[in-house]
Amino acid sequence: MKRFLSFAVVLLLSSSLIAQTKWTVDPAHTFVCFSVKHLGISFVQGSFKKFEGTYTSIRPDLSDINVSFTADVASISTGVDQRDGHLKSDDFFNAEKFPTIKFVSTSFKKVKGNNYILTGNLTIRDVTKEVSFSVVYGGTTKDPWGNNRSGFTATTTVNRFDYNLKYDPIGTAVAKDVALTLNLEFVQAK
């Protein structure tokens, strides 16, 4: 019985040492941006001002990372109030009926060096589709207050028509392809 209890204590201590580490996005140092071609000659840029995100991982190589990220559609900002209101309407996101955009990862694979491919399910409106982001891992550091931080840049392009963003169905005024760029900084939970 003593051996069993000793083994159970060792097992319990070992499992706590390899417990998943949770990291939470720092909204003051994170930017969720998009860019879409306008009239085929220039680009409109915008961002989401309110969002939440976490990732968990046990392995130092991040191969087991699980990412969850949500953006508040009503926080969309392009610098033009009238356009922001139109983007929140049913022509685009329908913020009233579909208040969030959500991403949940399914895999994170190293390509080379600090470059990875993050794949997961992106939900916009009532449509969920698999997307892949090219990710550059910026590394980790300790801030002046003793917090561990990690940084990533993730980019992808999505076809807005895949998500029922139905305005301008031939893409003359607003192109179909929307470039997404997320500059992410996370803080490790204590």
N, C-alpha and C. Protein backbone atom coordinates (compact mmCIF):
# COMPACT_ATOMS: atom_id res chain seq x y z
N MET A 1 0.81 -1.19 0.00
CA MET A 1 0.00 0.00 0.00
C MET A 1 0.86 1.26 0.00
N LYS A 2 1.99 1.24 0.77
CA LYS A 2 2.89 2.39 0.82
C LYS A 2 3.48 2.66 -0.56
N ARG A 3 3.85 1.58 -1.26
CA ARG A 3 4.42 1.74 -2.60
C ARG A 3 3.38 2.36 -3.54
N PHE A 4 2.15 1.89 -3.44
CA PHE A 4 1.09 2.42 -4.30
C PHE A 4 0.89 3.91 -4.03
N LEU A 5 0.83 4.30 -2.75
CA LEU A 5 0.64 5.71 -2.41
C LEU A 5 1.83 6.54 -2.89
N SER A 6 3.05 6.03 -2.73
CA SER A 6 4.23 6.75 -3.21
C SER A 6 4.18 6.92 -4.72
N PHE A 7 3.78 5.86 -5.42
CA PHE A 7 3.65 5.92 -6.87
C PHE A 7 2.59 6.93 -7.28
N ALA A 8 1.46 6.94 -6.58
CA ALA A 8 0.37 7.87 -6.88
C ALA A 8 0.81 9.31 -6.67
N VAL A 9 1.57 9.59 -5.61
CA VAL A 9 2.06 10.94 -5.35
C VAL A 9 3.03 11.37 -6.45
N VAL A 10 3.95 10.49 -6.85
CA VAL A 10 4.90 10.80 -7.93
C VAL A 10 4.15 11.06 -9.23
N LEU A 11 3.16 10.24 -9.54
CA LEU A 11 2.38 10.40 -10.75
C LEU A 11 1.63 11.73 -10.74
N LEU A 12 1.05 12.08 -9.62
CA LEU A 12 0.32 13.33 -9.49
C LEU A 12 1.26 14.53 -9.68
N LEU A 13 2.42 14.49 -9.05
CA LEU A 13 3.39 15.58 -9.20
C LEU A 13 3.88 15.68 -10.63
N SER A 14 4.14 14.55 -11.28
CA SER A 14 4.60 14.55 -12.67
C SER A 14 3.57 15.14 -13.59
N SER A 15 2.32 14.78 -13.40
CA SER A 15 1.27 15.29 -14.29
C SER A 15 1.08 16.78 -14.11
N SER A 16 1.30 17.31 -12.91
CA SER A 16 1.15 18.75 -12.72
C SER A 16 2.30 19.51 -13.38
N LEU A 17 3.46 18.87 -13.50
CA LEU A 17 4.58 19.52 -14.16
C LEU A 17 4.38 19.64 -15.67
N ILE A 18 3.61 18.72 -16.25
CA ILE A 18 3.39 18.77 -17.70
C ILE A 18 1.98 19.24 -18.03
N ALA A 19 1.34 19.89 -17.08
CA ALA A 19 -0.01 20.39 -17.34
C ALA A 19 0.03 21.42 -18.45
N GLN A 20 -1.07 21.53 -19.15
CA GLN A 20 -1.14 22.49 -20.24
C GLN A 20 -0.94 23.90 -19.72
N THR A 21 -0.24 24.68 -20.51
CA THR A 21 -0.04 26.08 -20.19
C THR A 21 -1.02 26.89 -21.01
N LYS A 22 -1.76 27.77 -20.34
CA LYS A 22 -2.75 28.61 -21.03
C LYS A 22 -2.18 30.01 -21.21
N TRP A 23 -2.35 30.52 -22.41
CA TRP A 23 -1.94 31.87 -22.76
C TRP A 23 -3.18 32.64 -23.23
N THR A 24 -3.31 33.90 -22.80
CA THR A 24 -4.46 34.72 -23.14
C THR A 24 -4.00 35.94 -23.93
N VAL A 25 -4.76 36.28 -24.96
CA VAL A 25 -4.38 37.41 -25.81
C VAL A 25 -4.38 38.71 -25.00
N ASP A 26 -3.38 39.55 -25.27
CA ASP A 26 -3.29 40.87 -24.66
C ASP A 26 -3.89 41.87 -25.65
N PRO A 27 -5.10 42.38 -25.38
CA PRO A 27 -5.75 43.25 -26.35
C PRO A 27 -5.02 44.57 -26.60
N ALA A 28 -4.20 45.01 -25.68
CA ALA A 28 -3.46 46.26 -25.86
C ALA A 28 -2.30 46.10 -26.85
N HIS A 29 -1.91 44.86 -27.12
CA HIS A 29 -0.78 44.61 -28.01
C HIS A 29 -1.13 43.63 -29.12
N THR A 30 -2.40 43.55 -29.45
CA THR A 30 -2.87 42.65 -30.50
C THR A 30 -3.72 43.45 -31.49
N PHE A 31 -3.55 43.13 -32.77
CA PHE A 31 -4.28 43.83 -33.82
C PHE A 31 -4.86 42.81 -34.79
N VAL A 32 -6.17 42.93 -35.04
CA VAL A 32 -6.89 42.02 -35.94
C VAL A 32 -7.34 42.87 -37.12
N CYS A 33 -6.66 42.71 -38.25
CA CYS A 33 -6.85 43.60 -39.39
C CYS A 33 -7.28 42.85 -40.64
N PHE A 34 -7.93 43.59 -41.54
CA PHE A 34 -8.30 43.03 -42.84
C PHE A 34 -8.07 44.08 -43.92
N SER A 35 -7.94 43.60 -45.14
CA SER A 35 -7.74 44.47 -46.29
C SER A 35 -8.47 43.86 -47.47
N VAL A 36 -9.21 44.70 -48.23
CA VAL A 36 -9.97 44.21 -49.38
C VAL A 36 -9.87 45.25 -50.49
N LYS A 37 -9.71 44.77 -51.70
CA LYS A 37 -9.59 45.66 -52.85
C LYS A 37 -10.91 46.37 -53.12
N HIS A 38 -10.80 47.67 -53.44
CA HIS A 38 -11.98 48.49 -53.73
C HIS A 38 -11.90 48.99 -55.17
N LEU A 39 -12.95 48.70 -55.95
CA LEU A 39 -13.05 49.11 -57.34
C LEU A 39 -11.88 48.61 -58.20
N GLY A 40 -11.18 47.63 -57.70
CA GLY A 40 -10.07 47.05 -58.45
C GLY A 40 -8.83 47.92 -58.53
N ILE A 41 -8.82 49.06 -57.82
CA ILE A 41 -7.68 49.99 -57.96
C ILE A 41 -6.98 50.34 -56.65
N SER A 42 -7.64 50.11 -55.52
CA SER A 42 -7.03 50.47 -54.24
C SER A 42 -7.55 49.50 -53.18
N PHE A 43 -7.19 49.74 -51.94
CA PHE A 43 -7.59 48.85 -50.86
C PHE A 43 -8.27 49.62 -49.74
N VAL A 44 -9.25 48.98 -49.11
CA VAL A 44 -9.85 49.47 -47.88
C VAL A 44 -9.34 48.58 -46.76
N GLN A 45 -8.89 49.21 -45.70
CA GLN A 45 -8.39 48.45 -44.56
C GLN A 45 -9.29 48.69 -43.37
N GLY A 46 -9.32 47.71 -42.51
CA GLY A 46 -10.12 47.83 -41.30
C GLY A 46 -9.61 46.89 -40.24
N SER A 47 -10.29 46.92 -39.10
CA SER A 47 -9.88 46.07 -37.99
C SER A 47 -11.08 45.80 -37.09
N PHE A 48 -10.89 44.85 -36.21
CA PHE A 48 -11.85 44.58 -35.14
C PHE A 48 -11.20 45.05 -33.86
N LYS A 49 -11.92 45.84 -33.09
CA LYS A 49 -11.37 46.46 -31.88
C LYS A 49 -11.59 45.62 -30.63
N LYS A 50 -12.58 44.70 -30.66
CA LYS A 50 -12.85 43.86 -29.50
C LYS A 50 -12.72 42.40 -29.92
N PHE A 51 -11.97 41.65 -29.14
CA PHE A 51 -11.72 40.24 -29.44
C PHE A 51 -11.19 39.55 -28.20
N GLU A 52 -11.23 38.24 -28.23
CA GLU A 52 -10.69 37.40 -27.16
C GLU A 52 -9.98 36.23 -27.80
N GLY A 53 -8.93 35.75 -27.17
CA GLY A 53 -8.25 34.60 -27.70
C GLY A 53 -7.39 33.93 -26.66
N THR A 54 -7.25 32.62 -26.81
CA THR A 54 -6.38 31.84 -25.93
C THR A 54 -5.69 30.75 -26.75
N TYR A 55 -4.60 30.28 -26.21
CA TYR A 55 -4.05 29.02 -26.70
C TYR A 55 -3.49 28.25 -25.53
N THR A 56 -3.49 26.95 -25.68
CA THR A 56 -2.90 26.06 -24.68
C THR A 56 -1.90 25.16 -25.38
N SER A 57 -0.88 24.78 -24.63
CA SER A 57 0.15 23.90 -25.17
C SER A 57 0.95 23.29 -24.02
N ILE A 58 1.38 22.07 -24.23
CA ILE A 58 2.28 21.42 -23.29
C ILE A 58 3.69 21.42 -23.85
N ARG A 59 3.82 21.13 -25.13
CA ARG A 59 5.12 20.93 -25.75
C ARG A 59 5.80 22.26 -26.11
N PRO A 60 7.10 22.35 -25.85
CA PRO A 60 7.83 23.57 -26.19
C PRO A 60 7.86 23.87 -27.69
N ASP A 61 7.72 22.84 -28.54
CA ASP A 61 7.72 23.07 -29.99
C ASP A 61 6.34 23.49 -30.51
N LEU A 62 5.36 23.62 -29.62
CA LEU A 62 4.00 24.08 -29.92
C LEU A 62 3.21 23.14 -30.85
N SER A 63 3.70 21.94 -31.07
CA SER A 63 3.02 21.02 -31.99
C SER A 63 1.65 20.57 -31.48
N ASP A 64 1.39 20.76 -30.21
CA ASP A 64 0.10 20.36 -29.65
C ASP A 64 -0.79 21.57 -29.32
N ILE A 65 -0.47 22.71 -29.90
CA ILE A 65 -1.18 23.95 -29.58
C ILE A 65 -2.65 23.86 -29.96
N ASN A 66 -3.49 24.41 -29.10
CA ASN A 66 -4.93 24.55 -29.37
C ASN A 66 -5.27 26.03 -29.25
N VAL A 67 -5.79 26.60 -30.34
CA VAL A 67 -6.08 28.03 -30.41
C VAL A 67 -7.58 28.24 -30.51
N SER A 68 -8.07 29.23 -29.78
CA SER A 68 -9.46 29.66 -29.89
C SER A 68 -9.46 31.18 -29.92
N PHE A 69 -10.17 31.75 -30.90
CA PHE A 69 -10.17 33.20 -31.06
C PHE A 69 -11.55 33.66 -31.49
N THR A 70 -12.03 34.75 -30.91
CA THR A 70 -13.33 35.30 -31.24
C THR A 70 -13.22 36.81 -31.41
N ALA A 71 -13.82 37.33 -32.50
CA ALA A 71 -13.87 38.78 -32.73
C ALA A 71 -15.31 39.24 -32.65
N ASP A 72 -15.52 40.39 -32.04
CA ASP A 72 -16.84 41.01 -31.90
C ASP A 72 -17.14 41.79 -33.18
N VAL A 73 -18.12 41.34 -33.95
CA VAL A 73 -18.44 41.96 -35.24
C VAL A 73 -18.81 43.43 -35.08
N ALA A 74 -19.52 43.78 -34.02
CA ALA A 74 -19.94 45.17 -33.81
C ALA A 74 -18.76 46.11 -33.60
N SER A 75 -17.58 45.57 -33.34
CA SER A 75 -16.40 46.40 -33.11
C SER A 75 -15.62 46.70 -34.39
N ILE A 76 -16.18 46.30 -35.55
CA ILE A 76 -15.49 46.53 -36.82
C ILE A 76 -15.26 48.03 -37.04
N SER A 77 -14.08 48.38 -37.55
CA SER A 77 -13.75 49.78 -37.76
C SER A 77 -12.91 49.94 -39.02
N THR A 78 -13.38 50.82 -39.91
CA THR A 78 -12.63 51.16 -41.11
C THR A 78 -12.29 52.65 -41.13
N GLY A 79 -12.69 53.36 -40.10
CA GLY A 79 -12.46 54.80 -40.03
C GLY A 79 -13.57 55.62 -40.68
N VAL A 80 -14.58 54.96 -41.21
CA VAL A 80 -15.73 55.65 -41.83
C VAL A 80 -17.00 55.06 -41.22
N ASP A 81 -17.70 55.86 -40.42
CA ASP A 81 -18.88 55.37 -39.70
C ASP A 81 -19.94 54.77 -40.62
N GLN A 82 -20.20 55.43 -41.75
CA GLN A 82 -21.23 54.92 -42.67
C GLN A 82 -20.84 53.54 -43.21
N ARG A 83 -19.58 53.38 -43.58
CA ARG A 83 -19.13 52.07 -44.08
C ARG A 83 -19.18 51.03 -42.96
N ASP A 84 -18.78 51.40 -41.76
CA ASP A 84 -18.82 50.46 -40.63
C ASP A 84 -20.25 49.98 -40.39
N GLY A 85 -21.22 50.91 -40.47
CA GLY A 85 -22.62 50.54 -40.32
C GLY A 85 -23.07 49.58 -41.41
N HIS A 86 -22.62 49.81 -42.63
CA HIS A 86 -22.98 48.93 -43.74
C HIS A 86 -22.37 47.54 -43.53
N LEU A 87 -21.14 47.48 -43.05
CA LEU A 87 -20.49 46.18 -42.80
C LEU A 87 -21.22 45.39 -41.70
N LYS A 88 -21.84 46.09 -40.76
CA LYS A 88 -22.58 45.43 -39.68
C LYS A 88 -23.96 44.97 -40.14
N SER A 89 -24.42 45.43 -41.31
CA SER A 89 -25.75 45.11 -41.81
C SER A 89 -25.78 43.71 -42.43
N ASP A 90 -26.96 43.30 -42.86
CA ASP A 90 -27.12 41.97 -43.46
C ASP A 90 -26.43 41.84 -44.81
N ASP A 91 -26.07 42.95 -45.45
CA ASP A 91 -25.29 42.87 -46.70
C ASP A 91 -23.95 42.19 -46.46
N PHE A 92 -23.42 42.35 -45.25
CA PHE A 92 -22.12 41.78 -44.91
C PHE A 92 -22.25 40.83 -43.71
N PHE A 93 -21.90 41.30 -42.52
CA PHE A 93 -21.77 40.42 -41.35
C PHE A 93 -23.06 40.17 -40.57
N ASN A 94 -24.03 41.06 -40.65
CA ASN A 94 -25.25 40.99 -39.86
C ASN A 94 -24.90 40.81 -38.37
N ALA A 95 -24.31 41.87 -37.82
CA ALA A 95 -23.83 41.84 -36.44
C ALA A 95 -24.92 41.52 -35.43
N GLU A 96 -26.15 41.91 -35.73
CA GLU A 96 -27.24 41.65 -34.79
C GLU A 96 -27.53 40.15 -34.67
N LYS A 97 -27.59 39.47 -35.79
CA LYS A 97 -27.90 38.04 -35.79
C LYS A 97 -26.67 37.16 -35.55
N PHE A 98 -25.50 37.61 -36.04
CA PHE A 98 -24.26 36.84 -35.92
C PHE A 98 -23.19 37.73 -35.29
N PRO A 99 -23.21 37.88 -33.97
CA PRO A 99 -22.37 38.89 -33.31
C PRO A 99 -20.87 38.58 -33.24
N THR A 100 -20.49 37.34 -33.54
CA THR A 100 -19.06 37.02 -33.42
C THR A 100 -18.54 36.28 -34.66
N ILE A 101 -17.26 36.44 -34.86
CA ILE A 101 -16.49 35.63 -35.81
C ILE A 101 -15.62 34.74 -34.94
N LYS A 102 -15.58 33.46 -35.25
CA LYS A 102 -14.88 32.52 -34.37
C LYS A 102 -13.91 31.64 -35.16
N PHE A 103 -12.75 31.39 -34.55
CA PHE A 103 -11.76 30.47 -35.11
C PHE A 103 -11.35 29.48 -34.03
N VAL A 104 -11.35 28.19 -34.39
CA VAL A 104 -10.88 27.13 -33.48
C VAL A 104 -9.90 26.27 -34.27
N SER A 105 -8.70 26.10 -33.75
CA SER A 105 -7.66 25.38 -34.48
C SER A 105 -7.88 23.87 -34.48
N THR A 106 -7.34 23.23 -35.51
CA THR A 106 -7.33 21.77 -35.60
C THR A 106 -5.92 21.23 -35.72
N SER A 107 -4.96 22.05 -36.21
CA SER A 107 -3.56 21.61 -36.28
C SER A 107 -2.63 22.81 -36.38
N PHE A 108 -1.39 22.58 -35.98
CA PHE A 108 -0.33 23.60 -36.02
C PHE A 108 0.94 22.87 -36.42
N LYS A 109 1.38 23.09 -37.65
CA LYS A 109 2.52 22.33 -38.18
C LYS A 109 3.68 23.24 -38.52
N LYS A 110 4.86 22.83 -38.07
CA LYS A 110 6.07 23.59 -38.37
C LYS A 110 6.43 23.41 -39.84
N VAL A 111 6.77 24.52 -40.49
CA VAL A 111 7.22 24.49 -41.88
C VAL A 111 8.74 24.53 -41.89
N LYS A 112 9.29 25.58 -41.27
CA LYS A 112 10.74 25.74 -41.20
C LYS A 112 11.04 26.90 -40.27
N GLY A 113 12.04 26.75 -39.41
CA GLY A 113 12.40 27.82 -38.49
C GLY A 113 11.24 28.20 -37.61
N ASN A 114 10.86 29.48 -37.65
CA ASN A 114 9.73 29.98 -36.87
C ASN A 114 8.46 30.10 -37.70
N ASN A 115 8.40 29.42 -38.83
CA ASN A 115 7.24 29.46 -39.71
C ASN A 115 6.39 28.21 -39.54
N TYR A 116 5.08 28.44 -39.42
CA TYR A 116 4.13 27.37 -39.18
C TYR A 116 2.91 27.54 -40.08
N ILE A 117 2.12 26.49 -40.16
CA ILE A 117 0.79 26.55 -40.77
C ILE A 117 -0.22 26.19 -39.68
N LEU A 118 -1.13 27.11 -39.41
CA LEU A 118 -2.19 26.92 -38.43
C LEU A 118 -3.48 26.66 -39.21
N THR A 119 -4.09 25.52 -38.99
CA THR A 119 -5.33 25.16 -39.68
C THR A 119 -6.44 25.05 -38.65
N GLY A 120 -7.62 25.45 -39.06
CA GLY A 120 -8.76 25.36 -38.15
C GLY A 120 -10.05 25.75 -38.84
N ASN A 121 -11.08 25.86 -38.04
CA ASN A 121 -12.41 26.18 -38.54
C ASN A 121 -12.75 27.63 -38.24
N LEU A 122 -13.05 28.37 -39.30
CA LEU A 122 -13.43 29.77 -39.19
C LEU A 122 -14.93 29.88 -39.43
N THR A 123 -15.62 30.50 -38.47
CA THR A 123 -17.07 30.69 -38.58
C THR A 123 -17.36 32.17 -38.72
N ILE A 124 -18.00 32.51 -39.85
CA ILE A 124 -18.49 33.86 -40.11
C ILE A 124 -19.95 33.70 -40.48
N ARG A 125 -20.81 34.52 -39.86
CA ARG A 125 -22.25 34.37 -40.01
C ARG A 125 -22.62 32.95 -39.59
N ASP A 126 -23.32 32.20 -40.45
CA ASP A 126 -23.72 30.83 -40.12
C ASP A 126 -22.95 29.80 -40.93
N VAL A 127 -21.75 30.17 -41.39
CA VAL A 127 -20.94 29.29 -42.22
C VAL A 127 -19.61 29.02 -41.52
N THR A 128 -19.24 27.74 -41.46
CA THR A 128 -17.95 27.34 -40.91
C THR A 128 -17.16 26.64 -42.01
N LYS A 129 -15.94 27.12 -42.24
CA LYS A 129 -15.08 26.52 -43.25
C LYS A 129 -13.67 26.39 -42.70
N GLU A 130 -12.97 25.38 -43.20
CA GLU A 130 -11.57 25.20 -42.80
C GLU A 130 -10.70 26.22 -43.51
N VAL A 131 -9.81 26.86 -42.77
CA VAL A 131 -8.85 27.79 -43.33
C VAL A 131 -7.48 27.50 -42.74
N SER A 132 -6.45 27.92 -43.46
CA SER A 132 -5.08 27.79 -42.98
C SER A 132 -4.42 29.17 -42.96
N PHE A 133 -3.75 29.46 -41.87
CA PHE A 133 -2.99 30.70 -41.70
C PHE A 133 -1.51 30.39 -41.81
N SER A 134 -0.77 31.25 -42.48
CA SER A 134 0.69 31.22 -42.40
C SER A 134 1.05 31.97 -41.13
N VAL A 135 1.85 31.34 -40.27
CA VAL A 135 2.16 31.92 -38.97
C VAL A 135 3.67 32.07 -38.82
N VAL A 136 4.08 33.23 -38.32
CA VAL A 136 5.46 33.45 -37.91
C VAL A 136 5.44 33.58 -36.39
N TYR A 137 6.17 32.69 -35.74
CA TYR A 137 6.25 32.71 -34.28
C TYR A 137 7.39 33.65 -33.89
N GLY A 138 7.05 34.71 -33.16
CA GLY A 138 8.04 35.70 -32.76
C GLY A 138 8.86 35.30 -31.55
N GLY A 139 8.42 34.25 -30.84
CA GLY A 139 9.14 33.78 -29.67
C GLY A 139 8.45 34.19 -28.38
N THR A 140 9.17 33.98 -27.29
CA THR A 140 8.66 34.34 -25.96
C THR A 140 9.68 35.21 -25.25
N THR A 141 9.18 36.00 -24.31
CA THR A 141 10.05 36.84 -23.49
C THR A 141 9.34 37.12 -22.18
N LYS A 142 10.09 37.63 -21.24
CA LYS A 142 9.53 38.04 -19.96
C LYS A 142 9.45 39.56 -19.96
N ASP A 143 8.27 40.10 -19.62
CA ASP A 143 8.13 41.56 -19.60
C ASP A 143 8.68 42.13 -18.29
N PRO A 144 8.77 43.45 -18.16
CA PRO A 144 9.34 44.06 -16.96
C PRO A 144 8.60 43.74 -15.66
N TRP A 145 7.37 43.22 -15.76
CA TRP A 145 6.58 42.90 -14.58
C TRP A 145 6.61 41.41 -14.24
N GLY A 146 7.45 40.66 -14.96
CA GLY A 146 7.62 39.24 -14.68
C GLY A 146 6.66 38.31 -15.39
N ASN A 147 5.88 38.83 -16.33
CA ASN A 147 4.94 38.00 -17.10
C ASN A 147 5.62 37.40 -18.33
N ASN A 148 5.34 36.15 -18.60
CA ASN A 148 5.82 35.53 -19.83
C ASN A 148 4.88 35.91 -20.97
N ARG A 149 5.46 36.31 -22.10
CA ARG A 149 4.68 36.73 -23.26
C ARG A 149 5.17 35.99 -24.50
N SER A 150 4.24 35.77 -25.43
CA SER A 150 4.62 35.16 -26.71
C SER A 150 3.96 35.96 -27.83
N GLY A 151 4.59 35.92 -29.00
CA GLY A 151 4.08 36.71 -30.11
C GLY A 151 4.00 35.91 -31.39
N PHE A 152 2.98 36.21 -32.19
CA PHE A 152 2.75 35.54 -33.46
C PHE A 152 2.21 36.56 -34.47
N THR A 153 2.48 36.33 -35.74
CA THR A 153 1.79 37.02 -36.83
C THR A 153 1.16 35.94 -37.69
N ALA A 154 -0.15 36.06 -37.93
CA ALA A 154 -0.89 35.06 -38.72
C ALA A 154 -1.57 35.76 -39.88
N THR A 155 -1.41 35.19 -41.09
CA THR A 155 -2.03 35.78 -42.28
C THR A 155 -2.73 34.71 -43.11
N THR A 156 -3.81 35.13 -43.74
CA THR A 156 -4.53 34.26 -44.66
C THR A 156 -5.39 35.14 -45.56
N THR A 157 -5.96 34.53 -46.57
CA THR A 157 -6.93 35.20 -47.44
C THR A 157 -8.17 34.33 -47.52
N VAL A 158 -9.34 34.95 -47.36
CA VAL A 158 -10.60 34.21 -47.46
C VAL A 158 -11.47 34.83 -48.54
N ASN A 159 -12.32 34.01 -49.12
CA ASN A 159 -13.30 34.45 -50.09
C ASN A 159 -14.56 34.83 -49.31
N ARG A 160 -14.93 36.10 -49.33
CA ARG A 160 -16.07 36.55 -48.52
C ARG A 160 -17.38 35.90 -48.95
N PHE A 161 -17.49 35.52 -50.20
CA PHE A 161 -18.71 34.88 -50.68
C PHE A 161 -18.90 33.49 -50.06
N ASP A 162 -17.80 32.84 -49.65
CA ASP A 162 -17.90 31.55 -48.97
C ASP A 162 -18.66 31.66 -47.65
N TYR A 163 -18.73 32.87 -47.10
CA TYR A 163 -19.35 33.09 -45.79
C TYR A 163 -20.65 33.90 -45.88
N ASN A 164 -21.26 33.92 -47.04
CA ASN A 164 -22.54 34.62 -47.25
C ASN A 164 -22.48 36.12 -47.01
N LEU A 165 -21.33 36.73 -47.26
CA LEU A 165 -21.24 38.19 -47.26
C LEU A 165 -21.62 38.61 -48.68
N LYS A 166 -22.89 38.89 -48.86
CA LYS A 166 -23.50 38.88 -50.19
C LYS A 166 -23.49 40.19 -50.95
N TYR A 167 -23.04 41.28 -50.37
CA TYR A 167 -23.04 42.56 -51.06
C TYR A 167 -22.14 42.49 -52.30
N ASP A 168 -22.59 43.12 -53.38
CA ASP A 168 -21.83 43.19 -54.64
C ASP A 168 -21.41 41.79 -55.09
N PRO A 169 -22.38 40.96 -55.50
CA PRO A 169 -22.12 39.55 -55.79
C PRO A 169 -21.14 39.27 -56.93
N ILE A 170 -20.82 40.27 -57.75
CA ILE A 170 -19.82 40.02 -58.79
C ILE A 170 -18.46 40.59 -58.41
N GLY A 171 -18.37 41.25 -57.28
CA GLY A 171 -17.09 41.72 -56.77
C GLY A 171 -16.50 42.91 -57.51
N THR A 172 -17.33 43.75 -58.10
CA THR A 172 -16.84 44.91 -58.82
C THR A 172 -16.38 46.01 -57.87
N ALA A 173 -17.21 46.37 -56.92
CA ALA A 173 -16.86 47.42 -55.96
C ALA A 173 -16.00 46.89 -54.83
N VAL A 174 -16.40 45.75 -54.30
CA VAL A 174 -15.67 45.12 -53.18
C VAL A 174 -15.23 43.73 -53.65
N ALA A 175 -13.93 43.51 -53.69
CA ALA A 175 -13.40 42.23 -54.19
C ALA A 175 -13.88 41.07 -53.33
N LYS A 176 -13.80 39.88 -53.90
CA LYS A 176 -14.21 38.68 -53.16
C LYS A 176 -13.17 38.25 -52.14
N ASP A 177 -11.89 38.47 -52.43
CA ASP A 177 -10.82 38.02 -51.53
C ASP A 177 -10.50 39.08 -50.49
N VAL A 178 -10.47 38.65 -49.23
CA VAL A 178 -10.18 39.53 -48.11
C VAL A 178 -8.94 38.99 -47.40
N ALA A 179 -7.91 39.83 -47.29
CA ALA A 179 -6.68 39.45 -46.60
C ALA A 179 -6.83 39.73 -45.11
N LEU A 180 -6.51 38.74 -44.29
CA LEU A 180 -6.56 38.88 -42.83
C LEU A 180 -5.15 38.84 -42.28
N THR A 181 -4.86 39.76 -41.37
CA THR A 181 -3.57 39.79 -40.68
C THR A 181 -3.83 39.96 -39.20
N LEU A 182 -3.31 39.04 -38.41
CA LEU A 182 -3.44 39.12 -36.96
C LEU A 182 -2.05 39.21 -36.36
N ASN A 183 -1.77 40.33 -35.69
CA ASN A 183 -0.54 40.49 -34.92
C ASN A 183 -0.92 40.24 -33.47
N LEU A 184 -0.46 39.12 -32.94
CA LEU A 184 -0.95 38.61 -31.66
C LEU A 184 0.13 38.60 -30.60
N GLU A 185 -0.22 39.09 -29.42
CA GLU A 185 0.65 38.96 -28.26
C GLU A 185 -0.16 38.32 -27.14
N PHE A 186 0.38 37.26 -26.55
CA PHE A 186 -0.29 36.52 -25.50
C PHE A 186 0.48 36.62 -24.20
N VAL A 187 -0.24 36.51 -23.09
CA VAL A 187 0.35 36.50 -21.75
C VAL A 187 0.05 35.13 -21.14
N GLN A 188 1.09 34.52 -20.56
CA GLN A 188 0.94 33.21 -19.93
C GLN A 188 0.19 33.35 -18.61
N ALA A 189 -0.78 32.45 -18.40
CA ALA A 189 -1.51 32.43 -17.13
C ALA A 189 -0.57 32.04 -16.01
N LYS A 190 -0.80 32.63 -14.85
CA LYS A 190 0.05 32.31 -13.69
C LYS A 190 -0.62 31.29 -12.81
